[in-house]
Amino acid sequence: ALVRRALLAALPTLTAAQLDDIVASARRGSGTIQLGSRATVHI
């Protein structure tokens, strides 16, 4: 719940699927999630 809240505070339009992708990539220790044309999350 805290992780979701922190990510959504920075990116309010994140979908549930994008949140799941970010968390899964963080567990792996690497990854890039493109959020539309104006934001990218790098792990």
All heavy atoms as atom14 arrays in JSON, in Angstrom:
{
  "sequence": "ALVRRALLAALPTLTAAQLDDIVASARRGSGTIQLGSRATVHI",
  "atom14_mask": [
    [1, 1, 1, 1, 1, 0, 0, 0, 0, 0, 0, 0, 0, 0],
    [1, 1, 1, 1, 1, 1, 1, 1, 0, 0, 0, 0, 0, 0],
    [1, 1, 1, 1, 1, 1, 1, 0, 0, 0, 0, 0, 0, 0],
    [1, 1, 1, 1, 1, 1, 1, 1, 1, 1, 1, 0, 0, 0],
    [1, 1, 1, 1, 1, 1, 1, 1, 1, 1, 1, 0, 0, 0],
    [1, 1, 1, 1, 1, 0, 0, 0, 0, 0, 0, 0, 0, 0],
    [1, 1, 1, 1, 1, 1, 1, 1, 0, 0, 0, 0, 0, 0],
    [1, 1, 1, 1, 1, 1, 1, 1, 0, 0, 0, 0, 0, 0],
    [1, 1, 1, 1, 1, 0, 0, 0, 0, 0, 0, 0, 0, 0],
    [1, 1, 1, 1, 1, 0, 0, 0, 0, 0, 0, 0, 0, 0],
    [1, 1, 1, 1, 1, 1, 1, 1, 0, 0, 0, 0, 0, 0],
    [1, 1, 1, 1, 1, 1, 1, 0, 0, 0, 0, 0, 0, 0],
    [1, 1, 1, 1, 1, 1, 1, 0, 0, 0, 0, 0, 0, 0],
    [1, 1, 1, 1, 1, 1, 1, 1, 0, 0, 0, 0, 0, 0],
    [1, 1, 1, 1, 1, 1, 1, 0, 0, 0, 0, 0, 0, 0],
    [1, 1, 1, 1, 1, 0, 0, 0, 0, 0, 0, 0, 0, 0],
    [1, 1, 1, 1, 1, 0, 0, 0, 0, 0, 0, 0, 0, 0],
    [1, 1, 1, 1, 1, 1, 1, 1, 1, 0, 0, 0, 0, 0],
    [1, 1, 1, 1, 1, 1, 1, 1, 0, 0, 0, 0, 0, 0],
    [1, 1, 1, 1, 1, 1, 1, 1, 0, 0, 0, 0, 0, 0],
    [1, 1, 1, 1, 1, 1, 1, 1, 0, 0, 0, 0, 0, 0],
    [1, 1, 1, 1, 1, 1, 1, 1, 0, 0, 0, 0, 0, 0],
    [1, 1, 1, 1, 1, 1, 1, 0, 0, 0, 0, 0, 0, 0],
    [1, 1, 1, 1, 1, 0, 0, 0, 0, 0, 0, 0, 0, 0],
    [1, 1, 1, 1, 1, 1, 0, 0, 0, 0, 0, 0, 0, 0],
    [1, 1, 1, 1, 1, 0, 0, 0, 0, 0, 0, 0, 0, 0],
    [1, 1, 1, 1, 1, 1, 1, 1, 1, 1, 1, 0, 0, 0],
    [1, 1, 1, 1, 1, 1, 1, 1, 1, 1, 1, 0, 0, 0],
    [1, 1, 1, 1, 0, 0, 0, 0, 0, 0, 0, 0, 0, 0],
    [1, 1, 1, 1, 1, 1, 0, 0, 0, 0, 0, 0, 0, 0],
    [1, 1, 1, 1, 0, 0, 0, 0, 0, 0, 0, 0, 0, 0],
    [1, 1, 1, 1, 1, 1, 1, 0, 0, 0, 0, 0, 0, 0],
    [1, 1, 1, 1, 1, 1, 1, 1, 0, 0, 0, 0, 0, 0],
    [1, 1, 1, 1, 1, 1, 1, 1, 1, 0, 0, 0, 0, 0],
    [1, 1, 1, 1, 1, 1, 1, 1, 0, 0, 0, 0, 0, 0],
    [1, 1, 1, 1, 0, 0, 0, 0, 0, 0, 0, 0, 0, 0],
    [1, 1, 1, 1, 1, 1, 0, 0, 0, 0, 0, 0, 0, 0],
    [1, 1, 1, 1, 1, 1, 1, 1, 1, 1, 1, 0, 0, 0],
    [1, 1, 1, 1, 1, 0, 0, 0, 0, 0, 0, 0, 0, 0],
    [1, 1, 1, 1, 1, 1, 1, 0, 0, 0, 0, 0, 0, 0],
    [1, 1, 1, 1, 1, 1, 1, 0, 0, 0, 0, 0, 0, 0],
    [1, 1, 1, 1, 1, 1, 1, 1, 1, 1, 0, 0, 0, 0],
    [1, 1, 1, 1, 1, 1, 1, 1, 0, 0, 0, 0, 0, 0]
  ],
  "atom14_positions": [
    [[0.83, -1.21, 0.0], [0.0, 0.0, 0.0], [0.87, 1.26, 0.0], [0.57, 2.24, -0.69], [-0.93, 0.01, 1.21], [0.0, 0.0, 0.0], [0.0, 0.0, 0.0], [0.0, 0.0, 0.0], [0.0, 0.0, 0.0], [0.0, 0.0, 0.0], [0.0, 0.0, 0.0], [0.0, 0.0, 0.0], [0.0, 0.0, 0.0], [0.0, 0.0, 0.0]],
    [[1.97, 1.24, 0.77], [2.85, 2.4, 0.82], [3.6, 2.58, -0.5], [3.78, 3.71, -0.96], [3.84, 2.26, 1.97], [3.27, 2.3, 3.39], [4.38, 2.16, 4.41], [2.49, 3.58, 3.62], [0.0, 0.0, 0.0], [0.0, 0.0, 0.0], [0.0, 0.0, 0.0], [0.0, 0.0, 0.0], [0.0, 0.0, 0.0], [0.0, 0.0, 0.0]],
    [[4.03, 1.48, -1.09], [4.73, 1.56, -2.37], [3.82, 2.15, -3.44], [4.2, 3.06, -4.18], [5.24, 0.17, -2.79], [5.75, 0.21, -4.24], [6.33, -0.31, -1.85], [0.0, 0.0, 0.0], [0.0, 0.0, 0.0], [0.0, 0.0, 0.0], [0.0, 0.0, 0.0], [0.0, 0.0, 0.0], [0.0, 0.0, 0.0], [0.0, 0.0, 0.0]],
    [[2.59, 1.64, -3.51], [1.64, 2.17, -4.49], [1.41, 3.66, -4.28], [1.38, 4.44, -5.22], [0.3, 1.42, -4.41], [0.3, 0.04, -5.03], [-1.11, -0.46, -5.25], [-1.86, -0.53, -4.0], [-1.9, -1.59, -3.2], [-1.21, -2.68, -3.53], [-2.6, -1.58, -2.09], [0.0, 0.0, 0.0], [0.0, 0.0, 0.0], [0.0, 0.0, 0.0]],
    [[1.25, 4.05, -3.01], [0.96, 5.45, -2.7], [2.14, 6.34, -3.11], [1.96, 7.43, -3.66], [0.68, 5.61, -1.21], [0.29, 7.02, -0.79], [-1.07, 7.39, -1.37], [-1.45, 8.75, -1.02], [-1.1, 9.83, -1.7], [-0.36, 9.71, -2.79], [-1.5, 11.02, -1.33], [0.0, 0.0, 0.0], [0.0, 0.0, 0.0], [0.0, 0.0, 0.0]],
    [[3.36, 5.88, -2.88], [4.54, 6.67, -3.23], [4.67, 6.83, -4.75], [4.95, 7.92, -5.25], [5.8, 6.02, -2.66], [0.0, 0.0, 0.0], [0.0, 0.0, 0.0], [0.0, 0.0, 0.0], [0.0, 0.0, 0.0], [0.0, 0.0, 0.0], [0.0, 0.0, 0.0], [0.0, 0.0, 0.0], [0.0, 0.0, 0.0], [0.0, 0.0, 0.0]],
    [[4.45, 5.74, -5.48], [4.55, 5.81, -6.93], [3.44, 6.69, -7.53], [3.68, 7.48, -8.44], [4.48, 4.4, -7.53], [5.65, 3.47, -7.18], [5.4, 2.07, -7.74], [6.97, 4.01, -7.7], [0.0, 0.0, 0.0], [0.0, 0.0, 0.0], [0.0, 0.0, 0.0], [0.0, 0.0, 0.0], [0.0, 0.0, 0.0], [0.0, 0.0, 0.0]],
    [[2.23, 6.54, -6.99], [1.11, 7.32, -7.51], [1.23, 8.81, -7.16], [0.72, 9.66, -7.87], [-0.21, 6.77, -6.98], [-0.66, 5.46, -7.63], [-1.77, 4.81, -6.8], [-1.14, 5.7, -9.05], [0.0, 0.0, 0.0], [0.0, 0.0, 0.0], [0.0, 0.0, 0.0], [0.0, 0.0, 0.0], [0.0, 0.0, 0.0], [0.0, 0.0, 0.0]],
    [[1.91, 9.11, -6.06], [2.12, 10.51, -5.71], [2.95, 11.21, -6.78], [2.75, 12.38, -7.1], [2.8, 10.63, -4.35], [0.0, 0.0, 0.0], [0.0, 0.0, 0.0], [0.0, 0.0, 0.0], [0.0, 0.0, 0.0], [0.0, 0.0, 0.0], [0.0, 0.0, 0.0], [0.0, 0.0, 0.0], [0.0, 0.0, 0.0], [0.0, 0.0, 0.0]],
    [[3.9, 10.47, -7.36], [4.75, 11.04, -8.42], [4.1, 10.9, -9.79], [4.3, 11.74, -10.67], [6.11, 10.34, -8.42], [0.0, 0.0, 0.0], [0.0, 0.0, 0.0], [0.0, 0.0, 0.0], [0.0, 0.0, 0.0], [0.0, 0.0, 0.0], [0.0, 0.0, 0.0], [0.0, 0.0, 0.0], [0.0, 0.0, 0.0], [0.0, 0.0, 0.0]],
    [[3.3, 9.83, -9.97], [2.69, 9.55, -11.27], [1.22, 9.2, -11.06], [0.84, 8.02, -11.05], [3.43, 8.38, -11.95], [4.87, 8.67, -12.37], [5.63, 7.37, -12.61], [4.88, 9.53, -13.64], [0.0, 0.0, 0.0], [0.0, 0.0, 0.0], [0.0, 0.0, 0.0], [0.0, 0.0, 0.0], [0.0, 0.0, 0.0], [0.0, 0.0, 0.0]],
    [[0.35, 10.19, -10.9], [-1.05, 9.94, -10.56], [-1.83, 9.14, -11.6], [-2.85, 8.53, -11.27], [-1.64, 11.35, -10.43], [-0.47, 12.24, -10.19], [0.66, 11.62, -10.94], [0.0, 0.0, 0.0], [0.0, 0.0, 0.0], [0.0, 0.0, 0.0], [0.0, 0.0, 0.0], [0.0, 0.0, 0.0], [0.0, 0.0, 0.0], [0.0, 0.0, 0.0]],
    [[-1.36, 9.1, -12.86], [-2.12, 8.41, -13.9], [-1.68, 6.96, -14.1], [-2.13, 6.3, -15.03], [-2.0, 9.15, -15.24], [-0.62, 9.23, -15.63], [-2.57, 10.56, -15.13], [0.0, 0.0, 0.0], [0.0, 0.0, 0.0], [0.0, 0.0, 0.0], [0.0, 0.0, 0.0], [0.0, 0.0, 0.0], [0.0, 0.0, 0.0], [0.0, 0.0, 0.0]],
    [[-0.78, 6.47, -13.24], [-0.35, 5.08, -13.37], [-1.53, 4.12, -13.3], [-2.42, 4.27, -12.46], [0.61, 4.72, -12.23], [2.09, 5.06, -12.37], [2.83, 4.64, -11.11], [2.7, 4.41, -13.59], [0.0, 0.0, 0.0], [0.0, 0.0, 0.0], [0.0, 0.0, 0.0], [0.0, 0.0, 0.0], [0.0, 0.0, 0.0], [0.0, 0.0, 0.0]],
    [[-1.55, 3.14, -14.19], [-2.56, 2.09, -14.12], [-2.08, 0.98, -13.18], [-0.89, 0.9, -12.84], [-2.84, 1.49, -15.5], [-1.66, 0.78, -15.95], [-3.21, 2.57, -16.51], [0.0, 0.0, 0.0], [0.0, 0.0, 0.0], [0.0, 0.0, 0.0], [0.0, 0.0, 0.0], [0.0, 0.0, 0.0], [0.0, 0.0, 0.0], [0.0, 0.0, 0.0]],
    [[-3.0, 0.11, -12.8], [-2.63, -1.01, -11.94], [-1.59, -1.9, -12.62], [-0.66, -2.41, -11.97], [-3.88, -1.82, -11.57], [0.0, 0.0, 0.0], [0.0, 0.0, 0.0], [0.0, 0.0, 0.0], [0.0, 0.0, 0.0], [0.0, 0.0, 0.0], [0.0, 0.0, 0.0], [0.0, 0.0, 0.0], [0.0, 0.0, 0.0], [0.0, 0.0, 0.0]],
    [[-1.74, -2.1, -13.94], [-0.79, -2.94, -14.67], [0.61, -2.32, -14.66], [1.62, -3.02, -14.51], [-1.27, -3.14, -16.11], [0.0, 0.0, 0.0], [0.0, 0.0, 0.0], [0.0, 0.0, 0.0], [0.0, 0.0, 0.0], [0.0, 0.0, 0.0], [0.0, 0.0, 0.0], [0.0, 0.0, 0.0], [0.0, 0.0, 0.0], [0.0, 0.0, 0.0]],
    [[0.7, -1.01, -14.84], [2.0, -0.34, -14.81], [2.64, -0.42, -13.43], [3.85, -0.62, -13.31], [1.84, 1.11, -15.25], [1.51, 1.27, -16.74], [1.09, 2.67, -17.1], [0.58, 3.42, -16.26], [1.29, 3.05, -18.36], [0.0, 0.0, 0.0], [0.0, 0.0, 0.0], [0.0, 0.0, 0.0], [0.0, 0.0, 0.0], [0.0, 0.0, 0.0]],
    [[1.84, -0.26, -12.4], [2.35, -0.41, -11.04], [2.93, -1.8, -10.83], [4.02, -1.96, -10.27], [1.24, -0.15, -10.03], [0.9, 1.31, -9.74], [-0.44, 1.4, -9.03], [1.98, 1.96, -8.9], [0.0, 0.0, 0.0], [0.0, 0.0, 0.0], [0.0, 0.0, 0.0], [0.0, 0.0, 0.0], [0.0, 0.0, 0.0], [0.0, 0.0, 0.0]],
    [[2.2, -2.81, -11.28], [2.68, -4.19, -11.14], [4.0, -4.39, -11.88], [4.92, -5.07, -11.39], [1.64, -5.17, -11.67], [0.4, -5.26, -10.78], [0.47, -4.81, -9.62], [-0.62, -5.78, -11.25], [0.0, 0.0, 0.0], [0.0, 0.0, 0.0], [0.0, 0.0, 0.0], [0.0, 0.0, 0.0], [0.0, 0.0, 0.0], [0.0, 0.0, 0.0]],
    [[4.12, -3.79, -13.08], [5.35, -3.92, -13.87], [6.54, -3.29, -13.13], [7.65, -3.84, -13.12], [5.19, -3.25, -15.23], [4.32, -4.05, -16.18], [4.07, -5.24, -15.89], [3.87, -3.48, -17.2], [0.0, 0.0, 0.0], [0.0, 0.0, 0.0], [0.0, 0.0, 0.0], [0.0, 0.0, 0.0], [0.0, 0.0, 0.0], [0.0, 0.0, 0.0]],
    [[6.3, -2.13, -12.53], [7.38, -1.44, -11.82], [7.84, -2.27, -10.62], [9.05, -2.46, -10.38], [6.93, -0.05, -11.36], [6.7, 0.85, -12.58], [7.97, 0.58, -10.43], [6.04, 2.18, -12.26], [0.0, 0.0, 0.0], [0.0, 0.0, 0.0], [0.0, 0.0, 0.0], [0.0, 0.0, 0.0], [0.0, 0.0, 0.0], [0.0, 0.0, 0.0]],
    [[6.88, -2.79, -9.86], [7.24, -3.6, -8.68], [7.96, -4.87, -9.1], [8.98, -5.25, -8.49], [5.97, -3.94, -7.87], [6.28, -4.95, -6.77], [5.37, -2.67, -7.26], [0.0, 0.0, 0.0], [0.0, 0.0, 0.0], [0.0, 0.0, 0.0], [0.0, 0.0, 0.0], [0.0, 0.0, 0.0], [0.0, 0.0, 0.0], [0.0, 0.0, 0.0]],
    [[7.49, -5.54, -10.15], [8.14, -6.78, -10.62], [9.55, -6.5, -11.1], [10.49, -7.27, -10.82], [7.3, -7.4, -11.73], [0.0, 0.0, 0.0], [0.0, 0.0, 0.0], [0.0, 0.0, 0.0], [0.0, 0.0, 0.0], [0.0, 0.0, 0.0], [0.0, 0.0, 0.0], [0.0, 0.0, 0.0], [0.0, 0.0, 0.0], [0.0, 0.0, 0.0]],
    [[9.75, -5.38, -11.81], [11.09, -5.02, -12.29], [12.02, -4.69, -11.13], [13.21, -5.02, -11.14], [11.01, -3.84, -13.25], [10.28, -4.17, -14.41], [0.0, 0.0, 0.0], [0.0, 0.0, 0.0], [0.0, 0.0, 0.0], [0.0, 0.0, 0.0], [0.0, 0.0, 0.0], [0.0, 0.0, 0.0], [0.0, 0.0, 0.0], [0.0, 0.0, 0.0]],
    [[11.48, -4.03, -10.1], [12.3, -3.71, -8.92], [12.76, -4.99, -8.23], [13.89, -5.07, -7.72], [11.5, -2.84, -7.97], [0.0, 0.0, 0.0], [0.0, 0.0, 0.0], [0.0, 0.0, 0.0], [0.0, 0.0, 0.0], [0.0, 0.0, 0.0], [0.0, 0.0, 0.0], [0.0, 0.0, 0.0], [0.0, 0.0, 0.0], [0.0, 0.0, 0.0]],
    [[11.9, -5.98, -8.19], [12.29, -7.26, -7.58], [13.39, -7.94, -8.37], [14.28, -8.58, -7.81], [11.07, -8.18, -7.47], [10.08, -7.74, -6.39], [8.81, -8.56, -6.44], [7.86, -8.12, -5.42], [6.58, -8.42, -5.39], [6.07, -9.18, -6.37], [5.81, -7.98, -4.43], [0.0, 0.0, 0.0], [0.0, 0.0, 0.0], [0.0, 0.0, 0.0]],
    [[13.33, -7.81, -9.71], [14.37, -8.4, -10.56], [15.66, -7.6, -10.49], [16.74, -8.11, -10.76], [13.9, -8.46, -12.02], [12.8, -9.46, -12.29], [12.66, -9.69, -13.8], [12.46, -8.45, -14.54], [11.28, -7.93, -14.82], [10.18, -8.54, -14.4], [11.19, -6.8, -15.5], [0.0, 0.0, 0.0], [0.0, 0.0, 0.0], [0.0, 0.0, 0.0]],
    [[15.53, -6.3, -10.21], [16.7, -5.44, -10.16], [17.02, -4.74, -11.44], [18.03, -4.04, -11.53], [0.0, 0.0, 0.0], [0.0, 0.0, 0.0], [0.0, 0.0, 0.0], [0.0, 0.0, 0.0], [0.0, 0.0, 0.0], [0.0, 0.0, 0.0], [0.0, 0.0, 0.0], [0.0, 0.0, 0.0], [0.0, 0.0, 0.0], [0.0, 0.0, 0.0]],
    [[16.16, -4.87, -12.45], [16.41, -4.18, -13.72], [15.1, -4.09, -14.51], [14.18, -4.89, -14.32], [17.46, -4.9, -14.56], [16.99, -6.18, -14.94], [0.0, 0.0, 0.0], [0.0, 0.0, 0.0], [0.0, 0.0, 0.0], [0.0, 0.0, 0.0], [0.0, 0.0, 0.0], [0.0, 0.0, 0.0], [0.0, 0.0, 0.0], [0.0, 0.0, 0.0]],
    [[15.06, -3.11, -15.41], [13.89, -2.98, -16.27], [13.64, -1.53, -16.63], [14.13, -0.6, -15.99], [0.0, 0.0, 0.0], [0.0, 0.0, 0.0], [0.0, 0.0, 0.0], [0.0, 0.0, 0.0], [0.0, 0.0, 0.0], [0.0, 0.0, 0.0], [0.0, 0.0, 0.0], [0.0, 0.0, 0.0], [0.0, 0.0, 0.0], [0.0, 0.0, 0.0]],
    [[12.88, -1.34, -17.69], [12.46, -0.02, -18.14], [10.99, -0.08, -18.5], [10.57, -0.94, -19.27], [13.26, 0.44, -19.38], [14.65, 0.52, -19.03], [12.79, 1.81, -19.85], [0.0, 0.0, 0.0], [0.0, 0.0, 0.0], [0.0, 0.0, 0.0], [0.0, 0.0, 0.0], [0.0, 0.0, 0.0], [0.0, 0.0, 0.0], [0.0, 0.0, 0.0]],
    [[10.2, 0.83, -17.92], [8.76, 0.89, -18.19], [8.46, 2.24, -18.79], [8.66, 3.27, -18.16], [7.93, 0.66, -16.9], [8.17, -0.73, -16.34], [6.45, 0.87, -17.19], [9.27, -0.82, -15.34], [0.0, 0.0, 0.0], [0.0, 0.0, 0.0], [0.0, 0.0, 0.0], [0.0, 0.0, 0.0], [0.0, 0.0, 0.0], [0.0, 0.0, 0.0]],
    [[7.99, 2.2, -20.04], [7.62, 3.43, -20.74], [6.18, 3.79, -20.37], [5.26, 2.99, -20.54], [7.74, 3.24, -22.25], [7.55, 4.52, -23.05], [8.71, 5.49, -22.86], [9.87, 5.08, -22.84], [8.39, 6.76, -22.72], [0.0, 0.0, 0.0], [0.0, 0.0, 0.0], [0.0, 0.0, 0.0], [0.0, 0.0, 0.0], [0.0, 0.0, 0.0]],
    [[5.98, 4.99, -19.86], [4.66, 5.45, -19.45], [4.18, 6.52, -20.42], [4.37, 7.71, -20.21], [4.71, 6.01, -18.02], [5.35, 5.08, -16.97], [5.48, 5.79, -15.65], [4.52, 3.8, -16.84], [0.0, 0.0, 0.0], [0.0, 0.0, 0.0], [0.0, 0.0, 0.0], [0.0, 0.0, 0.0], [0.0, 0.0, 0.0], [0.0, 0.0, 0.0]],
    [[3.61, 6.08, -21.53], [3.2, 7.01, -22.56], [4.42, 7.63, -23.22], [5.49, 7.02, -23.28], [0.0, 0.0, 0.0], [0.0, 0.0, 0.0], [0.0, 0.0, 0.0], [0.0, 0.0, 0.0], [0.0, 0.0, 0.0], [0.0, 0.0, 0.0], [0.0, 0.0, 0.0], [0.0, 0.0, 0.0], [0.0, 0.0, 0.0], [0.0, 0.0, 0.0]],
    [[4.28, 8.85, -23.68], [5.37, 9.51, -24.41], [6.15, 10.49, -23.54], [7.13, 11.07, -24.0], [4.8, 10.26, -25.63], [3.87, 11.25, -25.2], [0.0, 0.0, 0.0], [0.0, 0.0, 0.0], [0.0, 0.0, 0.0], [0.0, 0.0, 0.0], [0.0, 0.0, 0.0], [0.0, 0.0, 0.0], [0.0, 0.0, 0.0], [0.0, 0.0, 0.0]],
    [[5.72, 10.66, -22.27], [6.33, 11.74, -21.49], [6.99, 11.29, -20.2], [7.51, 12.11, -19.45], [5.26, 12.8, -21.17], [4.56, 13.33, -22.4], [3.75, 14.57, -22.1], [4.61, 15.68, -21.72], [4.16, 16.88, -21.41], [2.86, 17.12, -21.44], [4.99, 17.85, -21.07], [0.0, 0.0, 0.0], [0.0, 0.0, 0.0], [0.0, 0.0, 0.0]],
    [[7.01, 10.0, -19.91], [7.63, 9.54, -18.68], [8.15, 8.12, -18.84], [7.55, 7.29, -19.53], [6.64, 9.62, -17.51], [0.0, 0.0, 0.0], [0.0, 0.0, 0.0], [0.0, 0.0, 0.0], [0.0, 0.0, 0.0], [0.0, 0.0, 0.0], [0.0, 0.0, 0.0], [0.0, 0.0, 0.0], [0.0, 0.0, 0.0], [0.0, 0.0, 0.0]],
    [[9.28, 7.86, -18.2], [9.89, 6.53, -18.22], [10.41, 6.21, -16.83], [11.0, 7.06, -16.17], [11.06, 6.47, -19.22], [10.62, 6.92, -20.5], [11.6, 5.06, -19.34], [0.0, 0.0, 0.0], [0.0, 0.0, 0.0], [0.0, 0.0, 0.0], [0.0, 0.0, 0.0], [0.0, 0.0, 0.0], [0.0, 0.0, 0.0], [0.0, 0.0, 0.0]],
    [[10.17, 4.97, -16.39], [10.71, 4.49, -15.12], [11.84, 3.52, -15.43], [11.67, 2.59, -16.22], [9.63, 3.8, -14.27], [10.24, 3.16, -13.03], [8.56, 4.82, -13.86], [0.0, 0.0, 0.0], [0.0, 0.0, 0.0], [0.0, 0.0, 0.0], [0.0, 0.0, 0.0], [0.0, 0.0, 0.0], [0.0, 0.0, 0.0], [0.0, 0.0, 0.0]],
    [[13.02, 3.76, -14.82], [14.19, 2.9, -15.0], [14.5, 2.21, -13.68], [14.53, 2.86, -12.63], [15.41, 3.71, -15.44], [15.23, 4.41, -16.75], [15.39, 3.79, -17.96], [14.92, 5.71, -17.02], [15.19, 4.67, -18.93], [14.9, 5.83, -18.39], [0.0, 0.0, 0.0], [0.0, 0.0, 0.0], [0.0, 0.0, 0.0], [0.0, 0.0, 0.0]],
    [[14.75, 0.91, -13.74], [15.2, 0.17, -12.56], [16.58, -0.38, -12.88], [16.77, -1.14, -13.83], [14.25, -1.0, -12.21], [12.85, -0.47, -11.87], [14.81, -1.8, -11.04], [11.92, -0.4, -13.03], [0.0, 0.0, 0.0], [0.0, 0.0, 0.0], [0.0, 0.0, 0.0], [0.0, 0.0, 0.0], [0.0, 0.0, 0.0], [0.0, 0.0, 0.0]]
  ]
}
